[in-house]
């Protein structure tokens, strides 16, 4: 299963529609769960993220501040 944990929620309708479409596409191949956590101070956000990660799960952190990669490059991680 793929679990996406994100802080905050999408407010824009077009972004919600894009996420829904992407989720439906992925669900054809893998079960996917999206967990939205409330915005909070960074320490509490970190604690809430960790509460949603099981010990045996593989974690990939996505950041807007890092190098972008395309699908093929991302696939090479696996």
Protein backbone atom coordinates (compact mmCIF):
# COMPACT_ATOMS: atom_id res chain seq x y z
CA UNK A 1 0.00 0.00 0.00
CA UNK A 2 1.07 3.56 -0.67
CA UNK A 3 0.35 6.03 2.11
CA UNK A 4 0.71 9.75 1.46
CA UNK A 5 0.95 11.82 4.62
CA UNK A 6 0.58 15.54 4.11
CA UNK A 7 0.37 18.49 6.45
CA UNK A 8 -2.55 20.80 5.78
CA UNK A 9 -5.40 20.31 3.39
CA UNK A 10 -6.02 21.39 -0.16
CA UNK A 11 -8.37 24.31 -0.47
CA UNK A 12 -8.39 24.88 -4.22
CA UNK A 13 -11.03 22.87 -6.08
CA UNK A 14 -8.79 22.17 -9.09
CA UNK A 15 -6.07 20.69 -6.86
CA UNK A 16 -8.60 18.46 -5.08
CA UNK A 17 -9.78 17.23 -8.49
CA UNK A 18 -6.21 16.52 -9.62
CA UNK A 19 -5.46 14.56 -6.43
CA UNK A 20 -8.68 12.58 -6.84
CA UNK A 21 -7.82 11.74 -10.46
CA UNK A 22 -4.27 10.71 -9.56
CA UNK A 23 -5.53 8.60 -6.65
CA UNK A 24 -8.01 6.82 -8.95
CA UNK A 25 -5.24 6.07 -11.46
CA UNK A 26 -2.94 4.63 -8.81
CA UNK A 27 -5.73 2.56 -7.24
CA UNK A 28 -5.81 0.46 -10.41
CA UNK A 29 -2.37 -0.87 -9.49
CA UNK A 30 -1.82 -0.25 -5.77
CA UNK A 31 -4.00 0.61 -2.82
CA UNK A 32 -3.41 4.23 -1.80
CA UNK A 33 -4.34 6.13 1.32
CA UNK A 34 -4.03 9.89 1.77
CA UNK A 35 -3.69 11.15 5.34
CA UNK A 36 -4.14 14.89 5.85
CA UNK A 37 -2.79 16.27 9.13
CA UNK A 38 -3.68 19.65 10.62
CA UNK A 39 -1.23 22.51 10.24
CA UNK A 40 0.60 22.93 13.53
CA UNK A 41 3.97 23.98 14.89
CA UNK A 42 6.83 22.00 13.38
CA UNK A 43 7.42 19.81 16.45
CA UNK A 44 3.78 18.72 16.68
CA UNK A 45 3.62 18.19 12.92
CA UNK A 46 6.65 15.91 13.15
CA UNK A 47 5.11 13.94 16.01
CA UNK A 48 1.84 13.55 14.10
CA UNK A 49 3.67 12.37 10.98
CA UNK A 50 5.62 9.78 13.00
CA UNK A 51 2.40 8.51 14.60
CA UNK A 52 1.15 7.65 11.10
CA UNK A 53 4.25 5.67 10.06
CA UNK A 54 4.49 2.01 11.02
CA UNK A 55 7.89 0.58 11.94
CA UNK A 56 8.17 -1.63 8.84
CA UNK A 57 7.10 1.01 6.30
CA UNK A 58 9.47 2.45 3.70
CA UNK A 59 9.48 6.26 3.89
CA UNK A 60 10.15 8.77 1.14
CA UNK A 61 10.10 12.45 2.08
CA UNK A 62 9.08 14.92 -0.61
CA UNK A 63 10.11 18.54 -0.31
CA UNK A 64 9.57 21.64 -2.40
CA UNK A 65 13.10 22.74 -1.47
CA UNK A 66 14.96 19.87 -3.11
CA UNK A 67 15.89 18.83 -6.63
CA UNK A 68 12.97 17.82 -8.82
CA UNK A 69 12.95 14.42 -10.45
CA UNK A 70 10.81 12.91 -13.16
CA UNK A 71 8.92 9.63 -12.94
CA UNK A 72 11.77 7.56 -14.38
CA UNK A 73 14.31 8.97 -11.96
CA UNK A 74 11.90 8.46 -9.05
CA UNK A 75 11.28 4.88 -10.18
CA UNK A 76 15.02 4.16 -9.92
CA UNK A 77 14.74 4.46 -6.13
CA UNK A 78 12.89 1.16 -6.18
